[in-house]
Every structure is written in structure tokens, then in C-alpha cells.
Amino acid sequence: MEDKILKEVGEMFMTYGVRSVSMDDIARHLGISKKTLYQYFKDKNELVEKGTERHLRLQQKEYDEATKQAANAIEELYLVSKCLRKHVSELNPSLIFDLKKFHASAWNVFLDYEHITVFESLKDNLERGKKEGLYREGINTNVLAKLRVEQVHMSFDPHVFPKDEFDFAHVHMQMFDHYVYGLLTAKGLKLYEKYKQEN
């Protein structure tokens, strides 16, 4: 039952943001009483935190699958970026703002995920690309993994990219291209251009 609640609520938060969805809305949507809802979650804050954890866990499974399927570092980056664009297109931009401003524990879950899981995955990809001769030997994996994490983080900042002026998927693709072109050897560039044409 808890997972069913988190799944349904996660979809509501993705569509409407967090702040605009009340516990009454959630109970009504699920067809249960608020009392039943509070048997599983002590308050909205706990619900948001657990929902964030669940969402990130499922998202990471998709990224891990993309990494397993990839024949090389560039294809891995491309497949992960495709997942990221899908997730961004489903996301209400106010969700990030709501977490940051009103749900500190859930925001910390999100930051930990970005700064530990995503950072380590990027470092692995950069090392893989160097070994495959697709990324430049001289790149510093720590610096560039951190740069990519911050790029993604910045793309959600409404002060930097106001939602009435910028399309989030387009912003992500521009940043992704900029990041990848800075990594590539001549061999890598040829392969990346091939993936872009095919996709």
C-alpha cells in the first residue's frame, strides 16, 4: 500500500509540483481517508521525502540499464541523456523549487543523489571514455564530473533559465552537447556525430 501511495503521489507531484498538492488532495485522489494516509506517513514532509527517494531509485535503475546496454562511453552518455530528457519533459519545473524551499529533508536526498551517485557515474564514464580513446587523455575526471552535475543542477534554476523563456529539454540538450564536445578526441567526435545523425 505504501508503494502504491508513493507511486500515485509521485505522479501528482511531477505534474503539479509539491506545494500545490495537499494531503486532502492526495487522499481524495487515492480514494482513501486522510486518517488512512497518516497511518503510512506521519506528515506531508515524510511523504515527499520517501517519494523523492523512490523516484530517484527508479530513475537510477533506468540509467544503470542504459550503462549496461552501451557499447562504449559515448553511447552510454547518449542513452543516459535520452533518459534525462524524458524525465525533464515529465517534470513540473516548480517541483525542484518546492523541494528546495519547503522540504529540506527531501531536497537533501536529491542533493546527495546528485553529488554522490551521479558524480560517481560520470567519473566512471569519463575514465571509460579515456580508456577507449574517445575522450581526451588530459581531462580531469573530478573537475568535469563536477561540472556536469552543476550544469544539470543549474538548468533547473528558474533564476538562470526562467520557464517562460526557456524550454527545459532544449536547455539540457544544449548543455549536453557543449559538455560532450569538450571531451572528445577525433575518434570520439566521429562516433558522436554518427550517434546524433542516427538519433
C-alpha atoms as a PDB file:
ATOM      1  CA  MET A   1       0.000   0.000   0.000  1.00  0.00           C
ATOM      2  CA  GLU A   2       2.836   2.399   0.867  1.00  0.00           C
ATOM      3  CA  ASP A   3       4.458   1.887  -2.539  1.00  0.00           C
ATOM      4  CA  LYS A   4       1.101   2.366  -4.298  1.00  0.00           C
ATOM      5  CA  ILE A   5       0.617   5.668  -2.443  1.00  0.00           C
ATOM      6  CA  LEU A   6       4.163   6.815  -3.305  1.00  0.00           C
ATOM      7  CA  LYS A   7       3.693   5.912  -6.975  1.00  0.00           C
ATOM      8  CA  GLU A   8       0.400   7.822  -7.293  1.00  0.00           C
ATOM      9  CA  VAL A   9       1.638  10.795  -5.265  1.00  0.00           C
ATOM     10  CA  GLY A  10       4.885  10.904  -7.240  1.00  0.00           C
ATOM     11  CA  GLU A  11       2.878  11.324 -10.448  1.00  0.00           C
ATOM     12  CA  MET A  12       0.828  14.119  -8.856  1.00  0.00           C
ATOM     13  CA  PHE A  13       3.979  15.940  -7.681  1.00  0.00           C
ATOM     14  CA  MET A  14       5.635  15.564 -11.106  1.00  0.00           C
ATOM     15  CA  THR A  15       2.574  17.095 -12.775  1.00  0.00           C
ATOM     16  CA  TYR A  16       1.549  19.804 -10.320  1.00  0.00           C
ATOM     17  CA  GLY A  17       4.604  20.416  -8.131  1.00  0.00           C
ATOM     18  CA  VAL A  18       4.659  19.708  -4.394  1.00  0.00           C
ATOM     19  CA  ARG A  19       3.292  22.812  -2.744  1.00  0.00           C
ATOM     20  CA  SER A  20       0.044  22.897  -4.696  1.00  0.00           C
ATOM     21  CA  VAL A  21      -0.870  19.302  -3.709  1.00  0.00           C
ATOM     22  CA  SER A  22      -2.361  18.998  -0.207  1.00  0.00           C
ATOM     23  CA  MET A  23      -2.858  15.881   1.928  1.00  0.00           C
ATOM     24  CA  ASP A  24      -6.612  16.302   1.267  1.00  0.00           C
ATOM     25  CA  ASP A  25      -5.932  16.254  -2.499  1.00  0.00           C
ATOM     26  CA  ILE A  26      -3.819  13.113  -2.112  1.00  0.00           C
ATOM     27  CA  ALA A  27      -6.425  11.272  -0.011  1.00  0.00           C
ATOM     28  CA  ARG A  28      -9.187  12.249  -2.445  1.00  0.00           C
ATOM     29  CA  HIS A  29      -7.104  11.174  -5.470  1.00  0.00           C
ATOM     30  CA  LEU A  30      -6.328   7.799  -3.852  1.00  0.00           C
ATOM     31  CA  GLY A  31      -9.903   7.285  -2.683  1.00  0.00           C
ATOM     32  CA  ILE A  32      -8.832   6.818   0.933  1.00  0.00           C
ATOM     33  CA  SER A  33      -9.342   8.819   4.110  1.00  0.00           C
ATOM     34  CA  LYS A  34      -6.729  11.210   5.427  1.00  0.00           C
ATOM     35  CA  LYS A  35      -6.619   9.054   8.540  1.00  0.00           C
ATOM     36  CA  THR A  36      -5.530   6.056   6.435  1.00  0.00           C
ATOM     37  CA  LEU A  37      -2.896   8.206   4.726  1.00  0.00           C
ATOM     38  CA  TYR A  38      -1.477   9.224   8.106  1.00  0.00           C
ATOM     39  CA  GLN A  39      -1.148   5.559   9.082  1.00  0.00           C
ATOM     40  CA  TYR A  40       1.616   5.286   6.488  1.00  0.00           C
ATOM     41  CA  PHE A  41       3.191   8.752   6.655  1.00  0.00           C
ATOM     42  CA  LYS A  42       3.356  10.965   9.728  1.00  0.00           C
ATOM     43  CA  ASP A  43       3.118  14.163   7.638  1.00  0.00           C
ATOM     44  CA  LYS A  44       3.499  15.581   4.146  1.00  0.00           C
ATOM     45  CA  ASN A  45       7.206  16.143   4.654  1.00  0.00           C
ATOM     46  CA  GLU A  46       7.833  12.419   5.210  1.00  0.00           C
ATOM     47  CA  LEU A  47       5.656  11.603   2.201  1.00  0.00           C
ATOM     48  CA  VAL A  48       7.669  13.996  -0.003  1.00  0.00           C
ATOM     49  CA  GLU A  49      10.992  12.625   1.281  1.00  0.00           C
ATOM     50  CA  LYS A  50      10.040   8.981   0.681  1.00  0.00           C
ATOM     51  CA  GLY A  51       8.517   9.884  -2.682  1.00  0.00           C
ATOM     52  CA  THR A  52      11.771  11.591  -3.699  1.00  0.00           C
ATOM     53  CA  GLU A  53      13.807   8.548  -2.631  1.00  0.00           C
ATOM     54  CA  ARG A  54      11.527   6.236  -4.616  1.00  0.00           C
ATOM     55  CA  HIS A  55      11.611   8.408  -7.722  1.00  0.00           C
ATOM     56  CA  LEU A  56      15.421   8.679  -7.698  1.00  0.00           C
ATOM     57  CA  ARG A  57      15.793   4.925  -7.139  1.00  0.00           C
ATOM     58  CA  LEU A  58      13.626   4.170 -10.200  1.00  0.00           C
ATOM     59  CA  GLN A  59      15.399   6.828 -12.242  1.00  0.00           C
ATOM     60  CA  GLN A  60      18.785   5.333 -11.348  1.00  0.00           C
ATOM     61  CA  LYS A  61      17.601   1.878 -12.481  1.00  0.00           C
ATOM     62  CA  GLU A  62      16.938   3.351 -15.931  1.00  0.00           C
ATOM     63  CA  TYR A  63      20.384   4.952 -16.002  1.00  0.00           C
ATOM     64  CA  ASP A  64      22.031   1.691 -14.898  1.00  0.00           C
ATOM     65  CA  GLU A  65      20.198  -0.151 -17.665  1.00  0.00           C
ATOM     66  CA  ALA A  66      21.440   2.397 -20.222  1.00  0.00           C
ATOM     67  CA  THR A  67      25.012   1.925 -18.953  1.00  0.00           C
ATOM     68  CA  LYS A  68      24.704  -1.880 -19.323  1.00  0.00           C
ATOM     69  CA  GLN A  69      23.381  -1.596 -22.889  1.00  0.00           C
ATOM     70  CA  ALA A  70      26.029   0.877 -24.081  1.00  0.00           C
ATOM     71  CA  ALA A  71      28.775  -0.406 -26.359  1.00  0.00           C
ATOM     72  CA  ASN A  72      31.082   2.493 -25.414  1.00  0.00           C
ATOM     73  CA  ALA A  73      31.335   5.619 -23.247  1.00  0.00           C
ATOM     74  CA  ILE A  74      29.726   7.919 -25.826  1.00  0.00           C
ATOM     75  CA  GLU A  75      26.730   5.646 -26.331  1.00  0.00           C
ATOM     76  CA  GLU A  76      26.402   5.430 -22.528  1.00  0.00           C
ATOM     77  CA  LEU A  77      26.320   9.232 -22.241  1.00  0.00           C
ATOM     78  CA  TYR A  78      23.856   9.443 -25.112  1.00  0.00           C
ATOM     79  CA  LEU A  79      21.465   6.847 -23.643  1.00  0.00           C
ATOM     80  CA  VAL A  80      21.627   8.420 -20.168  1.00  0.00           C
ATOM     81  CA  SER A  81      20.973  11.842 -21.712  1.00  0.00           C
ATOM     82  CA  LYS A  82      17.941  10.406 -23.508  1.00  0.00           C
ATOM     83  CA  CYS A  83      16.596   9.157 -20.139  1.00  0.00           C
ATOM     84  CA  LEU A  84      17.317  12.561 -18.590  1.00  0.00           C
ATOM     85  CA  ARG A  85      15.424  14.397 -21.348  1.00  0.00           C
ATOM     86  CA  LYS A  86      12.442  12.090 -20.824  1.00  0.00           C
ATOM     87  CA  HIS A  87      12.486  12.748 -17.076  1.00  0.00           C
ATOM     88  CA  VAL A  88      12.800  16.500 -17.592  1.00  0.00           C
ATOM     89  CA  SER A  89       9.883  16.559 -20.044  1.00  0.00           C
ATOM     90  CA  GLU A  90       7.670  14.858 -17.401  1.00  0.00           C
ATOM     91  CA  LEU A  91       8.719  17.242 -14.645  1.00  0.00           C
ATOM     92  CA  ASN A  92       6.888  20.319 -13.425  1.00  0.00           C
ATOM     93  CA  PRO A  93       9.760  22.843 -13.037  1.00  0.00           C
ATOM     94  CA  SER A  94       8.278  24.146  -9.770  1.00  0.00           C
ATOM     95  CA  LEU A  95       8.919  20.724  -8.178  1.00  0.00           C
ATOM     96  CA  ILE A  96      12.628  21.459  -7.655  1.00  0.00           C
ATOM     97  CA  PHE A  97      11.852  24.913  -6.251  1.00  0.00           C
ATOM     98  CA  ASP A  98       9.223  23.429  -3.903  1.00  0.00           C
ATOM     99  CA  LEU A  99      11.635  20.804  -2.579  1.00  0.00           C
ATOM    100  CA  LYS A 100      14.362  23.363  -2.017  1.00  0.00           C
ATOM    101  CA  LYS A 101      12.163  25.901  -0.266  1.00  0.00           C
ATOM    102  CA  PHE A 102       9.632  23.819   1.666  1.00  0.00           C
ATOM    103  CA  HIS A 103      11.006  20.276   2.133  1.00  0.00           C
ATOM    104  CA  ALA A 104      14.626  20.394   3.303  1.00  0.00           C
ATOM    105  CA  SER A 105      14.946  16.655   4.027  1.00  0.00           C
ATOM    106  CA  ALA A 106      13.719  15.700   0.529  1.00  0.00           C
ATOM    107  CA  TRP A 107      15.971  18.369  -1.010  1.00  0.00           C
ATOM    108  CA  ASN A 108      18.952  16.834   0.835  1.00  0.00           C
ATOM    109  CA  VAL A 109      18.052  13.411  -0.585  1.00  0.00           C
ATOM    110  CA  PHE A 110      18.100  14.980  -4.064  1.00  0.00           C
ATOM    111  CA  LEU A 111      21.442  16.739  -3.440  1.00  0.00           C
ATOM    112  CA  ASP A 112      23.050  13.578  -2.033  1.00  0.00           C
ATOM    113  CA  TYR A 113      21.908  11.674  -5.117  1.00  0.00           C
ATOM    114  CA  GLU A 114      23.364  14.326  -7.438  1.00  0.00           C
ATOM    115  CA  HIS A 115      26.635  14.789  -5.601  1.00  0.00           C
ATOM    116  CA  ILE A 116      27.353  11.131  -4.861  1.00  0.00           C
ATOM    117  CA  THR A 117      25.568   8.737  -7.264  1.00  0.00           C
ATOM    118  CA  VAL A 118      25.506  10.953 -10.374  1.00  0.00           C
ATOM    119  CA  PHE A 119      29.029  12.272  -9.723  1.00  0.00           C
ATOM    120  CA  GLU A 120      30.500   8.746  -9.401  1.00  0.00           C
ATOM    121  CA  SER A 121      28.658   7.543 -12.539  1.00  0.00           C
ATOM    122  CA  LEU A 122      30.051  10.464 -14.522  1.00  0.00           C
ATOM    123  CA  LYS A 123      33.576   9.810 -13.271  1.00  0.00           C
ATOM    124  CA  ASP A 124      33.267   6.149 -14.344  1.00  0.00           C
ATOM    125  CA  ASN A 125      32.069   7.249 -17.777  1.00  0.00           C
ATOM    126  CA  LEU A 126      34.957   9.690 -18.187  1.00  0.00           C
ATOM    127  CA  GLU A 127      37.513   7.026 -17.240  1.00  0.00           C
ATOM    128  CA  ARG A 128      35.879   4.562 -19.624  1.00  0.00           C
ATOM    129  CA  GLY A 129      35.961   7.097 -22.476  1.00  0.00           C
ATOM    130  CA  LYS A 130      39.651   7.809 -21.913  1.00  0.00           C
ATOM    131  CA  LYS A 131      40.488   4.080 -21.963  1.00  0.00           C
ATOM    132  CA  GLU A 132      38.506   3.662 -25.202  1.00  0.00           C
ATOM    133  CA  GLY A 133      40.366   6.571 -26.826  1.00  0.00           C
ATOM    134  CA  LEU A 134      37.109   8.507 -27.275  1.00  0.00           C
ATOM    135  CA  TYR A 135      37.812  11.236 -24.672  1.00  0.00           C
ATOM    136  CA  ARG A 136      40.935  13.370 -24.421  1.00  0.00           C
ATOM    137  CA  GLU A 137      43.628  11.891 -22.194  1.00  0.00           C
ATOM    138  CA  GLY A 138      44.312  15.182 -20.387  1.00  0.00           C
ATOM    139  CA  ILE A 139      40.799  15.739 -18.972  1.00  0.00           C
ATOM    140  CA  ASN A 140      40.440  15.847 -15.189  1.00  0.00           C
ATOM    141  CA  THR A 141      37.620  13.434 -14.341  1.00  0.00           C
ATOM    142  CA  ASN A 142      36.853  15.024 -10.947  1.00  0.00           C
ATOM    143  CA  VAL A 143      36.543  18.528 -12.391  1.00  0.00           C
ATOM    144  CA  LEU A 144      34.444  17.537 -15.407  1.00  0.00           C
ATOM    145  CA  ALA A 145      32.144  15.190 -13.479  1.00  0.00           C
ATOM    146  CA  LYS A 146      31.510  18.023 -11.005  1.00  0.00           C
ATOM    147  CA  LEU A 147      30.941  20.455 -13.902  1.00  0.00           C
ATOM    148  CA  ARG A 148      28.276  18.200 -15.421  1.00  0.00           C
ATOM    149  CA  VAL A 149      26.474  17.784 -12.079  1.00  0.00           C
ATOM    150  CA  GLU A 150      26.417  21.555 -11.653  1.00  0.00           C
ATOM    151  CA  GLN A 151      25.232  22.070 -15.251  1.00  0.00           C
ATOM    152  CA  VAL A 152      22.226  19.817 -14.685  1.00  0.00           C
ATOM    153  CA  HIS A 153      21.575  21.471 -11.329  1.00  0.00           C
ATOM    154  CA  MET A 154      21.771  24.955 -12.868  1.00  0.00           C
ATOM    155  CA  SER A 155      19.388  24.037 -15.684  1.00  0.00           C
ATOM    156  CA  PHE A 156      16.606  23.670 -13.075  1.00  0.00           C
ATOM    157  CA  ASP A 157      17.279  27.089 -11.547  1.00  0.00           C
ATOM    158  CA  PRO A 158      14.400  29.416 -12.539  1.00  0.00           C
ATOM    159  CA  HIS A 159      16.602  32.457 -11.892  1.00  0.00           C
ATOM    160  CA  VAL A 160      19.061  31.277 -14.550  1.00  0.00           C
ATOM    161  CA  PHE A 161      16.567  29.728 -17.008  1.00  0.00           C
ATOM    162  CA  PRO A 162      13.053  31.153 -16.370  1.00  0.00           C
ATOM    163  CA  LYS A 163      10.441  28.635 -17.549  1.00  0.00           C
ATOM    164  CA  ASP A 164       8.535  31.265 -19.569  1.00  0.00           C
ATOM    165  CA  GLU A 165      11.683  31.965 -21.629  1.00  0.00           C
ATOM    166  CA  PHE A 166      13.374  28.570 -21.930  1.00  0.00           C
ATOM    167  CA  ASP A 167      12.347  25.042 -22.858  1.00  0.00           C
ATOM    168  CA  PHE A 168      13.974  22.706 -20.301  1.00  0.00           C
ATOM    169  CA  ALA A 169      14.589  19.846 -22.749  1.00  0.00           C
ATOM    170  CA  HIS A 170      16.298  22.264 -25.160  1.00  0.00           C
ATOM    171  CA  VAL A 171      18.448  23.735 -22.365  1.00  0.00           C
ATOM    172  CA  HIS A 172      19.548  20.232 -21.352  1.00  0.00           C
ATOM    173  CA  MET A 173      20.425  19.269 -24.925  1.00  0.00           C
ATOM    174  CA  GLN A 174      22.463  22.450 -25.448  1.00  0.00           C
ATOM    175  CA  MET A 175      24.383  21.862 -22.210  1.00  0.00           C
ATOM    176  CA  PHE A 176      24.878  18.189 -23.035  1.00  0.00           C
ATOM    177  CA  ASP A 177      26.307  18.997 -26.483  1.00  0.00           C
ATOM    178  CA  HIS A 178      28.593  21.638 -25.002  1.00  0.00           C
ATOM    179  CA  TYR A 179      29.845  19.185 -22.365  1.00  0.00           C
ATOM    180  CA  VAL A 180      30.409  16.251 -24.742  1.00  0.00           C
ATOM    181  CA  TYR A 181      32.187  18.252 -27.465  1.00  0.00           C
ATOM    182  CA  GLY A 182      34.706  19.378 -24.837  1.00  0.00           C
ATOM    183  CA  LEU A 183      35.603  15.748 -24.062  1.00  0.00           C
ATOM    184  CA  LEU A 184      36.094  14.234 -27.471  1.00  0.00           C
ATOM    185  CA  THR A 185      39.137  13.044 -29.389  1.00  0.00           C
ATOM    186  CA  ALA A 186      38.940  12.999 -33.221  1.00  0.00           C
ATOM    187  CA  LYS A 187      37.828   9.343 -33.000  1.00  0.00           C
ATOM    188  CA  GLY A 188      35.211  10.242 -30.388  1.00  0.00           C
ATOM    189  CA  LEU A 189      33.924  13.181 -32.428  1.00  0.00           C
ATOM    190  CA  LYS A 190      33.332  10.936 -35.442  1.00  0.00           C
ATOM    191  CA  LEU A 191      31.376   8.460 -33.310  1.00  0.00           C
ATOM    192  CA  TYR A 192      29.345  11.140 -31.519  1.00  0.00           C
ATOM    193  CA  GLU A 193      28.329  12.770 -34.840  1.00  0.00           C
ATOM    194  CA  LYS A 194      27.249   9.324 -36.062  1.00  0.00           C
ATOM    195  CA  TYR A 195      25.007   8.823 -32.978  1.00  0.00           C
ATOM    196  CA  LYS A 196      23.499  12.274 -33.469  1.00  0.00           C
ATOM    197  CA  GLN A 197      22.659  11.595 -37.108  1.00  0.00           C
ATOM    198  CA  GLU A 198      21.144   8.198 -36.337  1.00  0.00           C
ATOM    199  CA  ASN A 199      19.063   9.578 -33.473  1.00  0.00           C
END
